[in-house]
Amino acid sequence: MSPKNVVFKKICKDKSVGVYMGKRDFVDRVDSVDPVDGVILIDPEALQGRKVFVTLSCTFRYGRDDMDVMGIAFRRELYLSTRQVYPPLQDREKGIHTKTQARLLRKLGDNAHPFFFEFPDNLPCSVALQPAPHDVGKQCAVEFEIKAFSAESQDAKVRKRSSVKLMLRKVQYAPEGEGVAPSIETTRDFVMSDKPLHVKASLDKELYYHGEPIKVHVNVTNSSSKNIKNIIVSVDQVSTVVLYSNDIYVKSVAIEEYGDSVSAGGTLEKVYTLLPLLANNRERRGIALDGKLKHEDTNLASSSIIKEGVLKEVMGMMVSYRVMVKLIVGGEVGLEVPFKLMHPKPDAVSWRRRWCFRSSSAPT
């Protein structure tokens, strides 16, 4: 998240319009989203009588800008809202919604004008599929941006020199409260075997934070006459591109294969530890990542949480995670244990650090 008291600014080439914002990360709380606010600074002489507009857009990109199949571009605007900033359509004081805006307006003077947008609650969060090392250009992604421009009218052709864009991020944090710890079990019967194979896999909790190890409890009761030759435990990231073709990308982002075996009539109880990290998957094409700004580092995409009743088709791309437990028994016996992978709320992180500090400094 953006540090306090930092101002992001960007000015177009002809100096007619500049954008000033106090933050570029906006939090989606499922039932509400942080509003987008900032200030536009104009130069009346450089405008030469043109008006100034600002737009907030959400774009889903499915392929590079230069890709075009049968006249269909792989790019679609999921949301677009435009406001006229200058000449102002309302009193300047009525357009002020935050302390950051008020502070910027005092500092920038009479040629500064506030803008304000509210996100609808049915938009996806910022996410992108990681390109291969040799890929160039923009790849499959959901992107947000603020664009300010000067033109004779809202629908007039915009000169590149008279426009400026600032990328934004829409993010989600882990919800409050803990869900039920997931547990899955199955029983498999075999031909030529009087008794079955029973397998159970469980996690300690439903929600994990990025960078947190995941402990997978595996219990095997092999009453069958089959020998289990190997057990493979992995974390799968499932990315579903729902807007165009419902493509599904399944990528293992962490995997452990110890060669454990269970003979006929035997049992096994073991805890496997997995750590899904982008650091171990940087060269792999198609891994979903949280959206990033410029050259900032990012992480594996967070699990998608959507408001009840919202159509999945308008979400562009959805991400989920599951632990896979595979037993190699001639064929394969598998279990899928779903879980969520997200960031904690910043307040929760600072509180936990303060608590740990107090605990470590307490007298013993």
Protein backbone atom coordinates (compact mmCIF):
# COMPACT_ATOMS: atom_id res chain seq x y z
CA MET A 1 0.00 0.00 0.00
CA SER A 2 1.04 3.60 -0.52
CA PRO A 3 2.92 5.24 2.39
CA LYS A 4 1.18 8.08 4.23
CA ASN A 5 1.62 11.63 2.91
CA VAL A 6 2.91 10.44 -0.47
CA VAL A 7 1.40 12.15 -3.51
CA PHE A 8 1.43 10.53 -6.94
CA LYS A 9 1.49 12.98 -9.82
CA LYS A 10 1.76 12.82 -13.59
CA ILE A 11 1.59 15.69 -16.12
CA CYS A 12 0.86 15.46 -19.84
CA LYS A 13 3.45 16.52 -22.42
CA ASP A 14 1.85 19.83 -23.37
CA LYS A 15 1.53 20.74 -19.64
CA SER A 16 -2.19 21.45 -19.96
CA VAL A 17 -3.32 18.77 -17.48
CA GLY A 18 -1.80 17.05 -14.47
CA VAL A 19 -3.14 14.35 -12.13
CA TYR A 20 -2.45 14.32 -8.38
CA MET A 21 -3.57 11.42 -6.14
CA GLY A 22 -2.90 10.45 -2.53
CA LYS A 23 -2.98 6.72 -3.24
CA ARG A 24 -3.17 4.22 -6.10
CA ASP A 25 -4.38 1.14 -4.20
CA PHE A 26 -8.12 0.88 -3.54
CA VAL A 27 -9.60 -1.79 -1.30
CA ASP A 28 -12.56 -3.97 -2.31
CA ARG A 29 -14.45 -5.08 0.81
CA VAL A 30 -16.93 -7.16 -1.26
CA ASP A 31 -19.93 -5.07 -0.15
CA SER A 32 -18.16 -1.74 -0.80
CA VAL A 33 -15.04 -0.37 -2.49
CA ASP A 34 -12.85 2.61 -1.61
CA PRO A 35 -13.83 5.62 -3.75
CA VAL A 36 -11.28 7.06 -6.17
CA ASP A 37 -10.43 10.70 -5.55
CA GLY A 38 -7.77 13.16 -6.56
CA VAL A 39 -7.05 16.58 -8.04
CA ILE A 40 -6.56 17.78 -11.61
CA LEU A 41 -4.20 20.74 -12.12
CA ILE A 42 -4.79 22.75 -15.29
CA ASP A 43 -2.85 25.40 -17.19
CA PRO A 44 -5.43 27.81 -18.70
CA GLU A 45 -2.94 29.16 -21.25
CA ALA A 46 -1.95 25.69 -22.49
CA LEU A 47 -5.63 24.65 -22.69
CA GLN A 48 -6.39 27.32 -25.31
CA GLY A 49 -10.11 27.14 -24.60
CA ARG A 50 -10.37 23.33 -24.42
CA LYS A 51 -12.32 21.53 -21.70
CA VAL A 52 -10.80 19.05 -19.26
CA PHE A 53 -12.22 15.60 -18.51
CA VAL A 54 -11.18 12.69 -16.29
CA THR A 55 -12.17 9.04 -16.73
CA LEU A 56 -11.98 5.95 -14.53
CA SER A 57 -11.82 2.70 -16.51
CA CYS A 58 -11.52 -1.03 -15.90
CA THR A 59 -10.20 -2.97 -18.89
CA PHE A 60 -9.92 -6.68 -19.49
CA ARG A 61 -7.12 -7.53 -21.88
CA TYR A 62 -6.96 -11.03 -23.38
CA GLY A 63 -3.79 -10.86 -25.44
CA ARG A 64 -1.52 -8.13 -26.74
CA ASP A 65 -2.74 -4.85 -28.22
CA ASP A 66 -1.58 -5.91 -31.68
CA MET A 67 -3.62 -9.14 -31.65
CA ASP A 68 -6.72 -8.93 -33.80
CA VAL A 69 -8.68 -11.96 -35.03
CA MET A 70 -11.43 -11.48 -37.64
CA GLY A 71 -11.78 -7.83 -36.61
CA ILE A 72 -12.23 -8.65 -32.93
CA ALA A 73 -9.70 -7.05 -30.59
CA PHE A 74 -8.85 -8.98 -27.45
CA ARG A 75 -9.63 -5.99 -25.25
CA ARG A 76 -12.85 -4.98 -23.55
CA GLU A 77 -13.80 -2.16 -21.24
CA LEU A 78 -15.68 -3.57 -18.27
CA TYR A 79 -16.33 -0.12 -16.85
CA LEU A 80 -15.91 3.49 -18.00
CA SER A 81 -17.05 6.65 -16.24
CA THR A 82 -16.24 10.23 -17.30
CA ARG A 83 -16.44 13.53 -15.42
CA GLN A 84 -15.96 17.06 -16.71
CA VAL A 85 -13.49 18.83 -14.43
CA TYR A 86 -13.04 22.16 -16.21
CA PRO A 87 -14.95 24.36 -16.63
CA PRO A 88 -16.36 23.05 -13.34
CA LEU A 89 -20.01 21.99 -13.32
CA GLN A 90 -20.39 22.53 -9.56
CA ASP A 91 -18.93 24.63 -6.79
CA ARG A 92 -15.38 23.56 -6.02
CA GLU A 93 -16.02 23.06 -2.33
CA LYS A 94 -18.82 20.58 -3.07
CA GLY A 95 -16.37 18.40 -5.02
CA ILE A 96 -14.07 17.91 -2.03
CA HIS A 97 -14.59 14.50 -0.41
CA THR A 98 -11.31 13.75 1.42
CA LYS A 99 -8.65 15.49 3.51
CA THR A 100 -6.05 14.63 0.87
CA GLN A 101 -8.03 16.53 -1.76
CA ALA A 102 -8.42 19.53 0.51
CA ARG A 103 -4.70 19.58 1.27
CA LEU A 104 -3.76 19.31 -2.43
CA LEU A 105 -6.19 22.06 -3.42
CA ARG A 106 -4.69 24.43 -0.83
CA LYS A 107 -1.19 23.66 -2.04
CA LEU A 108 -1.86 23.77 -5.82
CA GLY A 109 -4.04 26.88 -5.87
CA ASP A 110 -7.00 28.11 -7.91
CA ASN A 111 -6.15 26.09 -11.05
CA ALA A 112 -6.62 22.79 -9.20
CA HIS A 113 -9.98 20.99 -9.37
CA PRO A 114 -11.14 17.89 -7.45
CA PHE A 115 -12.54 14.68 -8.96
CA PHE A 116 -14.33 11.77 -7.33
CA PHE A 117 -15.53 8.34 -8.54
CA GLU A 118 -17.30 5.48 -6.83
CA PHE A 119 -16.55 1.92 -7.98
CA PRO A 120 -19.52 -0.32 -8.76
CA ASP A 121 -19.49 -3.51 -6.67
CA ASN A 122 -19.36 -5.92 -9.62
CA LEU A 123 -15.83 -5.32 -10.92
CA PRO A 124 -12.89 -7.74 -10.59
CA CYS A 125 -9.66 -6.96 -8.77
CA SER A 126 -6.38 -6.22 -10.51
CA VAL A 127 -4.87 -9.46 -11.78
CA ALA A 128 -2.63 -10.58 -14.66
CA LEU A 129 -1.28 -13.79 -16.17
CA GLN A 130 2.50 -13.96 -16.05
CA PRO A 131 4.04 -13.91 -19.55
CA ALA A 132 6.86 -16.17 -20.63
CA PRO A 133 10.37 -14.61 -20.48
CA HIS A 134 10.41 -14.06 -24.28
CA ASP A 135 6.90 -12.56 -24.52
CA VAL A 136 6.63 -8.84 -25.30
CA GLY A 137 3.81 -6.34 -24.87
CA LYS A 138 0.86 -6.45 -22.50
CA GLN A 139 -0.65 -9.84 -21.74
CA CYS A 140 -3.90 -11.13 -20.28
CA ALA A 141 -4.86 -8.82 -17.41
CA VAL A 142 -7.55 -6.83 -15.61
CA GLU A 143 -6.33 -3.23 -15.33
CA PHE A 144 -7.62 0.02 -13.83
CA GLU A 145 -6.55 3.53 -14.77
CA ILE A 146 -7.34 7.20 -14.34
CA LYS A 147 -7.04 9.24 -17.51
CA ALA A 148 -7.19 13.04 -17.67
CA PHE A 149 -7.33 14.86 -21.01
CA SER A 150 -8.16 18.16 -22.61
CA ALA A 151 -10.37 18.34 -25.71
CA GLU A 152 -13.08 20.45 -27.32
CA SER A 153 -15.70 17.97 -26.06
CA GLN A 154 -15.92 14.63 -24.31
CA ASP A 155 -16.31 12.74 -27.60
CA ALA A 156 -13.72 14.70 -29.58
CA LYS A 157 -10.46 13.08 -30.66
CA VAL A 158 -7.91 13.29 -27.85
CA ARG A 159 -4.36 14.32 -28.66
CA LYS A 160 -1.75 12.13 -26.99
CA ARG A 161 0.19 15.20 -25.88
CA SER A 162 -2.91 16.47 -24.09
CA SER A 163 -3.68 13.35 -22.06
CA VAL A 164 -2.14 11.61 -19.09
CA LYS A 165 -2.79 8.17 -17.56
CA LEU A 166 -2.15 6.82 -14.07
CA MET A 167 -2.50 3.11 -13.36
CA LEU A 168 -4.47 2.08 -10.26
CA ARG A 169 -4.90 -1.16 -8.36
CA LYS A 170 -8.06 -2.67 -6.91
CA VAL A 171 -7.16 -5.12 -4.14
CA GLN A 172 -8.89 -7.41 -1.67
CA TYR A 173 -7.77 -8.37 1.82
CA ALA A 174 -8.61 -11.41 3.86
CA PRO A 175 -12.12 -11.19 5.36
CA GLU A 176 -12.61 -11.08 9.10
CA GLY A 177 -13.53 -14.26 10.91
CA GLU A 178 -12.29 -17.77 10.27
CA GLY A 179 -14.12 -20.28 8.12
CA VAL A 180 -14.32 -24.00 8.75
CA ALA A 181 -11.01 -25.82 8.30
CA PRO A 182 -11.44 -27.87 5.10
CA SER A 183 -11.30 -31.65 5.25
CA ILE A 184 -11.93 -34.13 2.43
CA GLU A 185 -11.97 -37.93 2.50
CA THR A 186 -12.69 -40.68 0.04
CA THR A 187 -12.94 -44.45 -0.10
CA ARG A 188 -11.84 -46.41 -3.16
CA ASP A 189 -12.80 -50.01 -3.92
CA PHE A 190 -10.68 -52.16 -6.22
CA VAL A 191 -11.45 -55.20 -8.31
CA MET A 192 -9.92 -58.33 -6.81
CA SER A 193 -9.74 -56.68 -3.38
CA ASP A 194 -12.20 -57.43 -0.59
CA LYS A 195 -11.49 -54.27 1.42
CA PRO A 196 -11.17 -50.62 0.34
CA LEU A 197 -8.56 -47.87 0.50
CA HIS A 198 -9.53 -44.90 2.69
CA VAL A 199 -7.81 -41.51 2.43
CA LYS A 200 -8.39 -38.28 4.34
CA ALA A 201 -6.72 -34.91 3.76
CA SER A 202 -7.26 -31.83 5.93
CA LEU A 203 -5.84 -28.34 6.53
CA ASP A 204 -5.47 -26.38 9.76
CA LYS A 205 -7.63 -23.54 8.46
CA GLU A 206 -9.46 -22.25 5.39
CA LEU A 207 -7.51 -19.00 4.87
CA TYR A 208 -3.76 -18.58 4.47
CA TYR A 209 -1.68 -15.45 3.94
CA HIS A 210 0.87 -15.06 1.16
CA GLY A 211 4.20 -16.46 2.38
CA GLU A 212 2.61 -18.65 5.06
CA PRO A 213 3.43 -22.40 5.06
CA ILE A 214 0.48 -24.72 4.49
CA LYS A 215 0.40 -27.92 6.53
CA VAL A 216 -1.50 -30.79 4.90
CA HIS A 217 -2.55 -33.63 7.19
CA VAL A 218 -2.80 -36.91 5.26
CA ASN A 219 -4.26 -40.09 6.77
CA VAL A 220 -4.20 -43.32 4.75
CA THR A 221 -5.80 -46.61 5.77
CA ASN A 222 -4.94 -49.13 3.08
CA SER A 223 -7.11 -52.17 3.81
CA SER A 224 -6.96 -53.20 0.16
CA SER A 225 -4.58 -55.66 -1.48
CA LYS A 226 -2.98 -52.85 -3.51
CA ASN A 227 0.34 -51.22 -2.72
CA ILE A 228 0.55 -47.41 -2.74
CA LYS A 229 3.77 -46.65 -4.59
CA ASN A 230 3.97 -42.88 -4.07
CA ILE A 231 2.16 -39.88 -2.54
CA ILE A 232 2.32 -36.48 -4.26
CA VAL A 233 1.05 -33.35 -2.49
CA SER A 234 0.77 -30.03 -4.33
CA VAL A 235 -0.89 -26.60 -4.34
CA ASP A 236 -2.75 -25.83 -7.56
CA GLN A 237 -3.65 -22.35 -8.71
CA VAL A 238 -6.81 -22.40 -10.85
CA SER A 239 -7.31 -19.32 -13.06
CA THR A 240 -10.55 -19.10 -14.99
CA VAL A 241 -10.86 -16.54 -17.78
CA VAL A 242 -14.63 -16.15 -17.73
CA LEU A 243 -15.23 -13.20 -20.05
CA TYR A 244 -14.53 -14.66 -23.49
CA SER A 245 -13.99 -18.39 -23.62
CA ASN A 246 -14.05 -19.76 -20.06
CA ASP A 247 -10.45 -20.93 -20.42
CA ILE A 248 -9.10 -22.64 -17.31
CA TYR A 249 -5.41 -22.57 -16.40
CA VAL A 250 -4.34 -25.05 -13.70
CA LYS A 251 -0.77 -24.57 -12.47
CA SER A 252 1.00 -26.32 -9.60
CA VAL A 253 2.71 -23.53 -7.64
CA ALA A 254 4.15 -25.80 -4.91
CA ILE A 255 4.73 -29.54 -4.92
CA GLU A 256 6.25 -32.17 -2.62
CA GLU A 257 7.04 -35.76 -3.64
CA TYR A 258 8.86 -37.71 -0.93
CA GLY A 259 8.34 -41.18 -2.38
CA ASP A 260 6.21 -42.31 0.56
CA SER A 261 4.65 -45.74 0.11
CA VAL A 262 1.99 -47.70 1.96
CA SER A 263 1.90 -51.46 1.59
CA ALA A 264 -1.31 -53.50 1.44
CA GLY A 265 -2.92 -53.56 4.87
CA GLY A 266 -0.76 -50.67 6.08
CA THR A 267 -1.51 -47.15 7.36
CA LEU A 268 0.13 -43.74 7.16
CA GLU A 269 -0.31 -40.51 9.10
CA LYS A 270 1.88 -37.65 7.95
CA VAL A 271 1.95 -33.85 7.75
CA TYR A 272 3.27 -32.37 4.50
CA THR A 273 4.32 -28.71 4.39
CA LEU A 274 3.90 -26.63 1.22
CA LEU A 275 4.91 -23.02 0.57
CA PRO A 276 3.42 -21.48 -2.61
CA LEU A 277 5.59 -18.53 -3.66
CA LEU A 278 6.04 -16.51 -6.83
CA ALA A 279 9.82 -16.72 -6.27
CA ASN A 280 9.67 -20.39 -7.26
CA ASN A 281 7.47 -19.76 -10.32
CA ARG A 282 8.88 -16.63 -12.01
CA GLU A 283 9.72 -18.25 -15.35
CA ARG A 284 6.37 -20.02 -15.80
CA ARG A 285 3.90 -18.66 -18.30
CA GLY A 286 0.25 -18.44 -17.28
CA ILE A 287 0.68 -18.07 -13.50
CA ALA A 288 -1.88 -15.55 -12.21
CA LEU A 289 -0.38 -12.61 -10.30
CA ASP A 290 -1.83 -9.76 -8.29
CA GLY A 291 -1.80 -6.55 -10.31
CA LYS A 292 1.29 -4.38 -9.96
CA LEU A 293 2.24 -0.77 -10.62
CA LYS A 294 5.14 -0.16 -13.00
CA HIS A 295 8.12 -2.29 -11.99
CA GLU A 296 7.06 -3.02 -8.43
CA ASP A 297 7.30 -6.62 -7.36
CA THR A 298 4.12 -8.61 -6.84
CA ASN A 299 3.01 -12.06 -5.69
CA LEU A 300 0.79 -14.96 -6.67
CA ALA A 301 -2.74 -13.76 -7.31
CA SER A 302 -5.04 -13.68 -4.31
CA SER A 303 -8.18 -15.79 -4.20
CA SER A 304 -11.17 -14.09 -5.82
CA ILE A 305 -14.09 -13.24 -3.55
CA ILE A 306 -17.21 -11.86 -5.23
CA LYS A 307 -20.42 -10.41 -3.92
CA GLU A 308 -23.38 -12.75 -3.90
CA GLY A 309 -25.56 -12.27 -6.96
CA VAL A 310 -22.81 -10.81 -9.18
CA LEU A 311 -22.46 -12.58 -12.52
CA LYS A 312 -19.09 -14.31 -12.79
CA GLU A 313 -18.97 -13.54 -16.52
CA VAL A 314 -18.27 -9.85 -15.86
CA MET A 315 -15.35 -10.60 -13.55
CA GLY A 316 -12.87 -11.12 -16.39
CA MET A 317 -10.64 -13.54 -14.50
CA MET A 318 -11.18 -15.52 -11.31
CA VAL A 319 -8.54 -17.23 -9.20
CA SER A 320 -8.88 -20.06 -6.67
CA TYR A 321 -6.55 -22.48 -4.90
CA ARG A 322 -6.66 -26.10 -3.88
CA VAL A 323 -4.37 -28.67 -2.28
CA MET A 324 -4.08 -31.84 -4.37
CA VAL A 325 -3.21 -35.17 -2.74
CA LYS A 326 -2.47 -37.94 -5.25
CA LEU A 327 -1.85 -41.57 -4.35
CA ILE A 328 -0.21 -43.67 -7.05
CA VAL A 329 -1.82 -47.11 -6.92
CA GLY A 330 -1.26 -48.51 -10.38
CA GLY A 331 -3.73 -45.80 -11.38
CA GLU A 332 -4.32 -42.69 -9.29
CA VAL A 333 -6.49 -41.79 -6.29
CA GLY A 334 -6.83 -38.05 -5.76
CA LEU A 335 -8.31 -35.56 -3.29
CA GLU A 336 -8.91 -31.83 -3.80
CA VAL A 337 -8.97 -29.60 -0.70
CA PRO A 338 -9.97 -25.99 -1.47
CA PHE A 339 -8.58 -23.03 0.49
CA LYS A 340 -8.09 -19.26 0.17
CA LEU A 341 -4.77 -17.43 -0.27
CA MET A 342 -4.87 -13.69 0.44
CA HIS A 343 -3.15 -10.70 2.07
CA PRO A 344 -4.02 -9.75 5.65
CA LYS A 345 -5.48 -6.32 6.24
CA PRO A 346 -2.68 -3.82 6.95
CA ASP A 347 -4.25 -3.03 10.34
CA ALA A 348 -4.14 -6.71 11.24
CA VAL A 349 -0.45 -6.92 10.30
CA SER A 350 0.53 -3.89 12.43
CA TRP A 351 -1.55 -5.16 15.36
CA ARG A 352 0.09 -8.59 15.16
CA ARG A 353 3.58 -7.02 15.07
CA ARG A 354 2.78 -4.86 18.12
CA TRP A 355 1.42 -7.89 19.98
CA CYS A 356 4.49 -9.99 19.14
CA PHE A 357 6.79 -7.16 20.29
CA ARG A 358 4.96 -6.85 23.62
CA SER A 359 5.06 -10.62 24.08
CA SER A 360 8.80 -10.85 23.34
CA SER A 361 9.64 -7.90 25.62
CA ALA A 362 7.44 -9.02 28.50
CA PRO A 363 9.29 -10.12 31.69
CA THR A 364 9.64 -13.85 32.19
